Amino acid sequence: MSQPAGLSRRLGVFDATMIVMGGIVGAGIFVNPHVVALEVHSAGLILLAWLLGGLVALVGAFIYAELAARRPAVGGQYAYIREAFHPLTAFLYGWTLLLVVQSGGMAAVAMTFARYFLELTHWRVPEGAVAAGALAILTAVNCLGVRWGSNVQSGLMVTKVVAIVALIACGLLAAPAAAAPAVPVPAAAPHGGLILAMGAALIPVVFAYGGWQTSSFVAGELRHPERDLPRGLLLGVIGVIVLYLGVTYVCVRVLGPDGLAATGAPASEVMRRAAGETGAKLIALGIAVSTLGFLSQGILTAPRVYYAMARDGVFLRAVGSLHPRTQVPVVAIALQGVVATIIALSGRYEQILSYVVSVDFLFFGATATALFVFRRRDPDATGYRVPGHPWTTGFFVLACAVVVVNTFISFPANSAVGMGILLTGVPIYYLWKRRKSSP
């Protein structure tokens, strides 16, 4: 393939907003209210956990919005880390993104899609085959061009919003409210105080809100990245907060805190009470579409990081090439699809995901810290500014540090493996650098 001058800038603020929302909304919101209810046992605290998680995500979006305005570069988060610190740090981020963080997450979501798809269709085919087929189709679509990939992503995101709004409407208008408990349920979890319980409840909430940062990867394909990406980040995260609070509210209203804690599929149970088995099947269809949209977003965004790595000379040269007609990194897109498919078919995606929680939030914190570096280097820069900086930015960095430390304390073995995967990238980086400098 020839090497054109660069990626094609064909996306606008609507595309950016849909990419932000698509990176957040997967299957988590349909399940995680149950996990939260296991930790905190009152309606107010359950809703508070989702509100606090949304505020953390919003602060993160503020930070990334300013970073995008200051550095509207290809690769987004990868570029911020590279320019603020050292190319090795950025490479390690991309390395873990490809091997486990993005690919492992996509593998898990592809298998979730396969389960719901087979439940709806009753096809007698292996789950792995359905997951691999979904990844292959979406990979092929994104190879046709960024406009194709974005249109599919936007269509799936709009469908997801419709499904979530329908769930909220049914929970409010068609399903009976749960009866109030005869005896008030204690607000604190039985294994500890209120603060510990809320901290435990926030873990699945924070993960359910994660994914907005991947929108920064497509900065090189936005027509006006310094304007459209900040707007997309803020509109997208605020939109998701509204949807998540709506879903949580109807789950609490219809099931009650006890009923919510007792069912592992709260969205399906709400729809079952509102519209019987037909309602349960409809929300299963909505969840399948939601997972498919998450996959589409991952395939659209993450390969731009590997493309940037290759253009920096620290990855396979072919990954940094663009198709001469579609102007998309076809090799990088195919690479992401292949790695995700291998992990899905291996059946070890859940174990792989458990390795990288600490690593993922380590890079979240590092990216937010990059804003301090850029502000010091260029204090007079104009454009979007984070409200309340440095306090809000410091709060986000601290929140990321708390997650990393808590993960190492709670899961020391898995966290050690995650750090081990990250450190394997160090010799790989210097190997590529040596190859680049050799005649």
Protein backbone atom coordinates (compact mmCIF):
# COMPACT_ATOMS: atom_id res chain seq x y z
CA MET A 1 0.00 0.00 0.00
CA SER A 2 1.09 3.53 -0.64
CA GLN A 3 1.48 5.97 2.21
CA PRO A 4 -0.80 9.01 1.76
CA ALA A 5 -0.12 12.22 3.64
CA GLY A 6 -2.47 11.35 6.48
CA LEU A 7 -5.87 10.24 7.69
CA SER A 8 -8.95 11.69 6.05
CA ARG A 9 -10.79 14.31 8.15
CA ARG A 10 -14.44 13.43 7.55
CA LEU A 11 -16.04 13.39 11.02
CA GLY A 12 -17.92 16.11 12.88
CA VAL A 13 -19.27 16.84 16.36
CA PHE A 14 -22.24 14.45 16.00
CA ASP A 15 -19.86 11.63 15.07
CA ALA A 16 -17.63 12.51 18.03
CA THR A 17 -20.60 12.48 20.41
CA MET A 18 -21.80 9.11 19.16
CA ILE A 19 -18.26 7.70 19.43
CA VAL A 20 -18.01 8.94 23.03
CA MET A 21 -21.37 7.43 23.99
CA GLY A 22 -20.64 4.24 22.04
CA GLY A 23 -17.40 3.76 23.93
CA ILE A 24 -19.20 3.94 27.27
CA VAL A 25 -22.51 2.15 26.77
CA GLY A 26 -22.02 -1.59 26.50
CA ALA A 27 -23.78 -4.25 28.53
CA GLY A 28 -22.69 -2.88 31.93
CA ILE A 29 -25.66 -0.61 32.60
CA PHE A 30 -28.06 -3.53 32.06
CA VAL A 31 -26.33 -5.61 34.76
CA ASN A 32 -24.24 -3.42 37.10
CA PRO A 33 -27.13 -1.80 39.04
CA HIS A 34 -27.51 -5.28 40.58
CA VAL A 35 -23.84 -5.33 41.61
CA VAL A 36 -24.16 -1.88 43.20
CA ALA A 37 -27.29 -2.95 45.12
CA LEU A 38 -25.32 -5.82 46.66
CA GLU A 39 -23.02 -3.27 48.30
CA VAL A 40 -25.37 -0.44 49.31
CA HIS A 41 -28.93 -1.26 50.29
CA SER A 42 -30.99 1.88 49.90
CA ALA A 43 -32.45 3.54 46.82
CA GLY A 44 -30.77 6.84 47.64
CA LEU A 45 -27.30 5.33 47.98
CA ILE A 46 -27.67 3.26 44.80
CA LEU A 47 -28.56 6.39 42.82
CA LEU A 48 -25.82 8.36 44.58
CA ALA A 49 -23.20 5.81 43.49
CA TRP A 50 -24.22 6.22 39.85
CA LEU A 51 -24.26 10.00 40.18
CA LEU A 52 -20.78 10.06 41.75
CA GLY A 53 -19.42 7.74 39.07
CA GLY A 54 -20.88 10.03 36.43
CA LEU A 55 -19.24 13.06 38.02
CA VAL A 56 -15.84 11.31 37.95
CA ALA A 57 -16.36 10.52 34.26
CA LEU A 58 -17.42 14.12 33.60
CA VAL A 59 -14.28 15.49 35.26
CA GLY A 60 -12.26 13.09 33.12
CA ALA A 61 -14.09 14.33 30.04
CA PHE A 62 -13.25 17.94 30.98
CA ILE A 63 -9.57 16.98 31.21
CA TYR A 64 -9.52 15.11 27.92
CA ALA A 65 -11.42 17.96 26.26
CA GLU A 66 -8.63 20.41 27.12
CA LEU A 67 -5.98 17.89 26.09
CA ALA A 68 -7.77 17.45 22.76
CA ALA A 69 -7.92 21.22 22.25
CA ARG A 70 -4.19 21.55 23.05
CA ARG A 71 -3.00 18.45 21.16
CA PRO A 72 -5.46 17.50 18.34
CA ALA A 73 -3.13 14.73 17.22
CA VAL A 74 -3.61 11.25 15.77
CA GLY A 75 -3.79 8.66 18.53
CA GLY A 76 -5.27 10.94 21.20
CA GLN A 77 -4.33 9.54 24.60
CA TYR A 78 -1.23 7.89 23.14
CA ALA A 79 -0.09 11.27 21.77
CA TYR A 80 -0.78 13.11 25.04
CA ILE A 81 1.38 10.65 27.02
CA ARG A 82 4.13 10.66 24.39
CA GLU A 83 4.44 14.45 24.27
CA ALA A 84 4.11 15.01 28.01
CA PHE A 85 6.51 12.32 29.20
CA HIS A 86 8.52 9.93 27.02
CA PRO A 87 7.84 7.87 23.87
CA LEU A 88 8.48 4.69 25.90
CA THR A 89 5.58 5.53 28.23
CA ALA A 90 3.27 6.04 25.27
CA PHE A 91 4.43 2.81 23.67
CA LEU A 92 3.69 0.85 26.83
CA TYR A 93 0.17 2.30 26.79
CA GLY A 94 -0.37 1.18 23.19
CA TRP A 95 1.25 -2.18 23.89
CA THR A 96 -1.14 -3.03 26.73
CA LEU A 97 -4.06 -1.60 24.76
CA LEU A 98 -3.45 -4.06 21.92
CA LEU A 99 -2.54 -7.12 23.97
CA VAL A 100 -5.14 -6.96 26.71
CA VAL A 101 -7.05 -3.76 27.55
CA GLN A 102 -8.87 -3.08 24.27
CA SER A 103 -8.64 -6.53 22.72
CA GLY A 104 -9.62 -8.33 25.93
CA GLY A 105 -12.55 -6.01 26.43
CA MET A 106 -13.71 -6.50 22.85
CA ALA A 107 -13.39 -10.27 23.20
CA ALA A 108 -15.55 -10.27 26.33
CA VAL A 109 -18.19 -8.06 24.71
CA ALA A 110 -18.18 -10.16 21.52
CA MET A 111 -18.91 -13.27 23.58
CA THR A 112 -21.68 -11.41 25.43
CA PHE A 113 -23.21 -10.47 22.07
CA ALA A 114 -22.96 -14.10 20.97
CA ARG A 115 -24.86 -15.33 24.02
CA TYR A 116 -27.74 -12.89 23.54
CA PHE A 117 -27.80 -13.47 19.79
CA LEU A 118 -28.07 -17.23 20.20
CA GLU A 119 -30.67 -16.84 22.94
CA LEU A 120 -32.81 -14.81 20.54
CA THR A 121 -32.26 -16.85 17.37
CA HIS A 122 -31.84 -20.36 18.86
CA TRP A 123 -29.19 -21.11 16.24
CA ARG A 124 -27.14 -24.20 17.02
CA VAL A 125 -23.69 -22.77 16.45
CA PRO A 126 -20.82 -22.24 18.90
CA GLU A 127 -20.69 -18.91 20.74
CA GLY A 128 -17.11 -18.44 19.58
CA ALA A 129 -18.15 -18.66 15.93
CA VAL A 130 -20.78 -15.94 16.41
CA ALA A 131 -18.31 -13.72 18.27
CA ALA A 132 -15.66 -14.20 15.58
CA GLY A 133 -18.24 -13.49 12.85
CA ALA A 134 -19.33 -10.24 14.51
CA LEU A 135 -15.73 -9.09 14.86
CA ALA A 136 -14.97 -10.00 11.24
CA ILE A 137 -17.98 -8.12 9.85
CA LEU A 138 -17.30 -4.96 11.84
CA THR A 139 -13.61 -5.11 10.95
CA ALA A 140 -14.52 -5.33 7.26
CA VAL A 141 -16.93 -2.39 7.54
CA ASN A 142 -14.29 -0.18 9.15
CA CYS A 143 -11.80 -1.10 6.43
CA LEU A 144 -14.17 0.50 3.88
CA GLY A 145 -13.46 3.95 5.30
CA VAL A 146 -13.91 6.08 8.39
CA ARG A 147 -17.25 7.38 7.10
CA TRP A 148 -18.58 3.82 6.79
CA GLY A 149 -17.33 2.90 10.24
CA SER A 150 -18.71 6.07 11.82
CA ASN A 151 -22.12 5.71 10.14
CA VAL A 152 -22.49 2.14 11.43
CA GLN A 153 -21.30 3.23 14.88
CA SER A 154 -23.72 6.18 14.96
CA GLY A 155 -26.62 4.00 13.80
CA LEU A 156 -25.95 1.41 16.48
CA MET A 157 -25.60 4.13 19.13
CA VAL A 158 -28.93 5.72 18.19
CA THR A 159 -30.51 2.25 18.39
CA LYS A 160 -28.96 1.76 21.84
CA VAL A 161 -30.37 5.08 23.03
CA VAL A 162 -33.82 4.09 21.76
CA ALA A 163 -33.59 0.76 23.63
CA ILE A 164 -32.51 2.45 26.87
CA VAL A 165 -35.20 5.13 26.61
CA ALA A 166 -37.78 2.38 25.97
CA LEU A 167 -36.58 0.56 29.10
CA ILE A 168 -36.90 3.76 31.14
CA ALA A 169 -40.36 4.52 29.73
CA CYS A 170 -41.62 0.98 30.41
CA GLY A 171 -40.22 1.10 33.94
CA LEU A 172 -41.96 4.39 34.61
CA LEU A 173 -45.27 3.87 32.81
CA ALA A 174 -46.00 0.16 32.47
CA ALA A 175 -44.35 -1.68 35.35
CA PRO A 176 -45.81 -1.51 38.88
CA ALA A 177 -43.64 0.03 41.55
CA ALA A 178 -42.12 -2.28 44.15
CA ALA A 179 -43.78 -2.37 47.53
CA ALA A 180 -41.95 -0.51 50.28
CA PRO A 181 -40.21 -2.85 52.76
CA ALA A 182 -41.98 -3.30 56.08
CA VAL A 183 -38.69 -2.77 57.92
CA PRO A 184 -36.15 -0.21 56.66
CA VAL A 185 -33.05 -1.83 55.20
CA PRO A 186 -29.75 -0.64 56.70
CA ALA A 187 -27.77 1.64 54.40
CA ALA A 188 -24.37 0.14 55.14
CA ALA A 189 -23.14 -3.13 53.72
CA PRO A 190 -22.85 -5.93 56.28
CA HIS A 191 -19.13 -6.36 55.78
CA GLY A 192 -18.14 -2.81 56.65
CA GLY A 193 -19.09 0.80 57.14
CA LEU A 194 -20.87 3.10 54.75
CA ILE A 195 -17.69 4.54 53.24
CA LEU A 196 -16.25 1.09 52.49
CA ALA A 197 -19.57 -0.03 51.04
CA MET A 198 -19.84 3.01 48.80
CA GLY A 199 -16.24 2.52 47.68
CA ALA A 200 -16.99 -1.06 46.70
CA ALA A 201 -20.17 0.03 44.93
CA LEU A 202 -18.29 2.63 42.89
CA ILE A 203 -15.95 0.06 41.29
CA PRO A 204 -18.53 -1.42 38.86
CA VAL A 205 -20.00 2.06 38.36
CA VAL A 206 -16.67 3.57 37.32
CA PHE A 207 -16.08 0.69 34.91
CA ALA A 208 -19.58 1.11 33.43
CA TYR A 209 -18.76 4.77 32.75
CA GLY A 210 -15.38 3.97 31.21
CA GLY A 211 -14.62 4.16 27.51
CA TRP A 212 -15.15 7.85 26.70
CA GLN A 213 -11.38 8.32 26.44
CA THR A 214 -11.17 6.17 23.29
CA SER A 215 -12.89 8.92 21.30
CA SER A 216 -9.58 10.81 21.43
CA PHE A 217 -8.03 8.16 19.18
CA VAL A 218 -9.89 9.50 16.12
CA ALA A 219 -8.80 13.13 16.56
CA GLY A 220 -6.87 12.86 13.30
CA GLU A 221 -10.11 12.18 11.42
CA LEU A 222 -12.24 14.99 12.87
CA ARG A 223 -12.68 18.03 10.65
CA HIS A 224 -12.08 20.42 13.57
CA PRO A 225 -10.66 18.26 16.41
CA GLU A 226 -9.78 21.19 18.67
CA ARG A 227 -13.48 22.17 18.65
CA ASP A 228 -15.48 19.02 17.88
CA LEU A 229 -13.75 16.56 20.22
CA PRO A 230 -14.22 18.67 23.39
CA ARG A 231 -17.88 19.20 22.48
CA GLY A 232 -18.37 15.52 21.72
CA LEU A 233 -16.74 14.49 25.00
CA LEU A 234 -18.91 16.74 27.13
CA LEU A 235 -22.17 16.10 25.27
CA GLY A 236 -21.54 12.35 25.17
CA VAL A 237 -20.66 11.92 28.84
CA ILE A 238 -23.55 14.10 30.02
CA GLY A 239 -25.92 12.13 27.79
CA VAL A 240 -24.73 8.84 29.25
CA ILE A 241 -25.07 10.12 32.83
CA VAL A 242 -28.72 10.98 32.11
CA LEU A 243 -29.38 7.55 30.57
CA TYR A 244 -27.60 5.65 33.36
CA LEU A 245 -29.43 7.50 36.12
CA GLY A 246 -32.72 6.85 34.32
CA VAL A 247 -32.05 3.11 34.06
CA THR A 248 -30.93 2.90 37.69
CA TYR A 249 -33.99 4.79 38.87
CA VAL A 250 -36.47 2.52 37.09
CA CYS A 251 -34.62 -0.59 38.33
CA VAL A 252 -34.92 0.66 41.92
CA ARG A 253 -38.52 1.79 41.40
CA VAL A 254 -39.74 -1.48 39.91
CA LEU A 255 -37.61 -4.00 41.78
CA GLY A 256 -36.80 -2.20 45.00
CA PRO A 257 -33.28 -2.33 46.52
CA ASP A 258 -33.76 -5.93 47.72
CA GLY A 259 -35.19 -7.14 44.42
CA LEU A 260 -32.43 -5.38 42.52
CA ALA A 261 -29.80 -7.10 44.64
CA ALA A 262 -31.51 -10.47 44.11
CA THR A 263 -31.54 -10.52 40.29
CA GLY A 264 -28.48 -10.64 38.06
CA ALA A 265 -30.47 -9.37 35.06
CA PRO A 266 -32.34 -6.32 36.36
CA ALA A 267 -33.13 -4.79 32.96
CA SER A 268 -34.73 -8.04 31.78
CA GLU A 269 -36.74 -8.32 34.99
CA VAL A 270 -38.04 -4.75 34.66
CA MET A 271 -39.17 -5.40 31.09
CA ARG A 272 -40.69 -8.73 32.09
CA ARG A 273 -42.83 -7.00 34.71
CA ALA A 274 -43.77 -4.29 32.22
CA ALA A 275 -44.52 -6.39 29.14
CA GLY A 276 -44.12 -10.07 30.04
CA GLU A 277 -41.78 -12.37 28.14
CA THR A 278 -42.09 -10.21 25.04
CA GLY A 279 -40.57 -7.34 26.99
CA ALA A 280 -37.73 -9.54 28.23
CA LYS A 281 -36.96 -10.60 24.65
CA LEU A 282 -37.03 -7.01 23.43
CA ILE A 283 -34.51 -5.88 26.04
CA ALA A 284 -32.33 -8.89 25.19
CA LEU A 285 -32.35 -7.59 21.62
CA GLY A 286 -31.44 -4.14 22.93
CA ILE A 287 -28.53 -5.56 24.91
CA ALA A 288 -27.30 -7.47 21.84
CA VAL A 289 -27.36 -4.25 19.79
CA SER A 290 -25.63 -2.40 22.63
CA THR A 291 -22.75 -4.88 22.74
CA LEU A 292 -22.47 -4.79 18.94
CA GLY A 293 -22.24 -0.99 19.07
CA PHE A 294 -19.48 -1.19 21.68
CA LEU A 295 -17.53 -3.54 19.39
CA SER A 296 -18.02 -1.20 16.46
CA GLN A 297 -16.68 1.72 18.46
CA GLY A 298 -13.59 -0.22 19.56
CA ILE A 299 -12.75 -1.29 16.03
CA LEU A 300 -13.25 2.27 14.79
CA THR A 301 -11.05 3.96 17.40
CA ALA A 302 -8.27 1.78 18.87
CA PRO A 303 -6.42 0.95 15.61
CA ARG A 304 -5.52 4.65 15.31
CA VAL A 305 -3.21 4.18 18.31
CA TYR A 306 -1.33 1.32 16.63
CA TYR A 307 -1.16 3.40 13.45
CA ALA A 308 0.41 6.28 15.43
CA MET A 309 2.87 3.88 17.06
CA ALA A 310 3.96 2.58 13.67
CA ARG A 311 4.34 6.10 12.31
CA ASP A 312 6.59 6.81 15.30
CA GLY A 313 8.77 3.89 14.21
CA VAL A 314 8.12 1.71 17.26
CA PHE A 315 5.82 -0.86 15.68
CA LEU A 316 5.43 -2.88 12.50
CA ARG A 317 5.85 -0.57 9.52
CA ALA A 318 2.84 -2.00 7.69
CA VAL A 319 0.57 -1.00 10.58
CA GLY A 320 1.41 2.64 9.81
CA SER A 321 0.20 2.42 6.22
CA LEU A 322 -3.08 3.77 4.85
CA HIS A 323 -5.20 2.35 2.08
CA PRO A 324 -4.74 4.60 -0.97
CA ARG A 325 -8.50 4.88 -1.63
CA THR A 326 -10.22 4.74 1.76
CA GLN A 327 -7.40 6.48 3.68
CA VAL A 328 -7.85 4.30 6.76
CA PRO A 329 -5.20 2.15 8.50
CA VAL A 330 -6.47 -1.17 7.16
CA VAL A 331 -3.60 -3.24 8.57
CA ALA A 332 -4.04 -1.72 12.05
CA ILE A 333 -7.79 -2.36 11.91
CA ALA A 334 -7.27 -5.97 10.82
CA LEU A 335 -4.65 -6.48 13.53
CA GLN A 336 -7.09 -5.33 16.23
CA GLY A 337 -9.79 -7.65 14.89
CA VAL A 338 -7.47 -10.65 14.76
CA VAL A 339 -6.11 -10.19 18.29
CA ALA A 340 -9.62 -9.74 19.74
CA THR A 341 -10.83 -12.84 17.89
CA ILE A 342 -7.92 -14.96 19.16
CA ILE A 343 -8.62 -13.88 22.75
CA ALA A 344 -12.36 -14.57 22.35
CA LEU A 345 -11.77 -18.05 20.95
CA SER A 346 -9.18 -18.81 23.64
CA GLY A 347 -11.87 -18.53 26.32
CA ARG A 348 -9.46 -16.63 28.60
CA TYR A 349 -10.78 -13.11 28.04
CA GLU A 350 -12.24 -12.74 31.55
CA GLN A 351 -8.94 -13.76 33.13
CA ILE A 352 -7.03 -11.41 30.84
CA LEU A 353 -9.31 -8.52 31.73
CA SER A 354 -8.66 -9.07 35.42
CA TYR A 355 -4.93 -8.53 34.81
CA VAL A 356 -5.16 -4.97 33.54
CA VAL A 357 -7.48 -3.00 35.80
CA SER A 358 -4.56 -1.43 37.63
CA VAL A 359 -2.65 -0.82 34.38
CA ASP A 360 -5.65 0.83 32.73
CA PHE A 361 -6.18 3.30 35.56
CA LEU A 362 -2.44 3.90 35.84
CA PHE A 363 -2.53 5.34 32.32
CA PHE A 364 -5.74 7.25 33.07
CA GLY A 365 -3.91 9.02 35.87
CA ALA A 366 -0.81 9.56 33.74
CA THR A 367 -2.90 11.14 30.98
CA ALA A 368 -4.58 13.54 33.40
CA THR A 369 -1.15 14.40 34.84
CA ALA A 370 -0.08 15.34 31.31
CA LEU A 371 -2.37 18.36 31.56
CA PHE A 372 -0.21 19.77 34.37
CA VAL A 373 2.82 19.34 32.10
CA PHE A 374 1.20 21.09 29.14
CA ARG A 375 -0.12 23.94 31.31
CA ARG A 376 3.39 24.54 32.67
CA ARG A 377 4.96 24.45 29.20
CA ASP A 378 2.39 26.73 27.60
CA PRO A 379 0.53 28.71 30.28
CA ASP A 380 -0.83 31.27 27.80
CA ALA A 381 -2.53 28.81 25.44
CA THR A 382 -6.06 29.77 24.43
CA GLY A 383 -9.06 27.51 23.89
CA TYR A 384 -11.03 25.19 26.15
CA ARG A 385 -9.95 25.08 29.82
CA VAL A 386 -10.86 22.56 32.53
CA PRO A 387 -13.18 24.17 35.10
CA GLY A 388 -11.62 24.26 38.57
CA HIS A 389 -8.12 23.17 37.47
CA PRO A 390 -5.86 22.22 39.25
CA TRP A 391 -8.30 20.95 41.89
CA THR A 392 -10.59 19.03 39.56
CA THR A 393 -7.66 17.54 37.64
CA GLY A 394 -5.95 16.61 40.90
CA PHE A 395 -9.16 14.97 42.12
CA PHE A 396 -9.28 12.80 38.98
CA VAL A 397 -5.63 11.79 39.34
CA LEU A 398 -6.25 10.91 42.98
CA ALA A 399 -9.34 8.86 42.06
CA CYS A 400 -7.28 6.89 39.55
CA ALA A 401 -4.55 6.32 42.15
CA VAL A 402 -7.12 5.02 44.64
CA VAL A 403 -8.40 2.50 42.08
CA VAL A 404 -4.85 1.32 41.29
CA VAL A 405 -3.90 0.91 44.96
CA ASN A 406 -7.20 -0.77 45.80
CA THR A 407 -6.77 -3.21 42.92
CA PHE A 408 -3.26 -4.16 44.05
CA ILE A 409 -4.53 -4.71 47.60
CA SER A 410 -7.62 -6.70 46.55
CA PHE A 411 -6.09 -8.65 43.65
CA PRO A 412 -2.30 -8.66 44.13
CA ALA A 413 -1.60 -11.64 41.87
CA ASN A 414 -3.66 -10.38 38.91
CA SER A 415 -2.27 -6.87 39.31
CA ALA A 416 1.28 -8.25 39.31
CA VAL A 417 0.56 -10.14 36.08
CA GLY A 418 -0.84 -6.94 34.56
CA MET A 419 2.32 -5.04 35.43
CA GLY A 420 4.35 -7.92 34.04
CA ILE A 421 2.52 -7.65 30.69
CA LEU A 422 3.19 -3.92 30.67
CA LEU A 423 6.91 -4.39 31.40
CA THR A 424 7.34 -6.89 28.55
CA GLY A 425 6.87 -3.88 26.30
CA VAL A 426 10.11 -2.27 27.48
CA PRO A 427 12.53 -4.56 25.57
CA ILE A 428 10.12 -4.61 22.60
CA TYR A 429 10.21 -0.81 22.45
CA TYR A 430 14.01 -0.65 22.41
CA LEU A 431 14.15 -3.43 19.83
CA TRP A 432 11.96 -1.40 17.48
CA LYS A 433 13.96 1.77 18.18
CA ARG A 434 17.16 -0.10 17.31
CA ARG A 435 15.62 -1.37 14.08
CA LYS A 436 14.54 2.15 13.18
CA SER A 437 18.02 3.60 13.75
CA SER A 438 19.88 0.82 11.97
CA PRO A 439 20.81 1.46 8.29
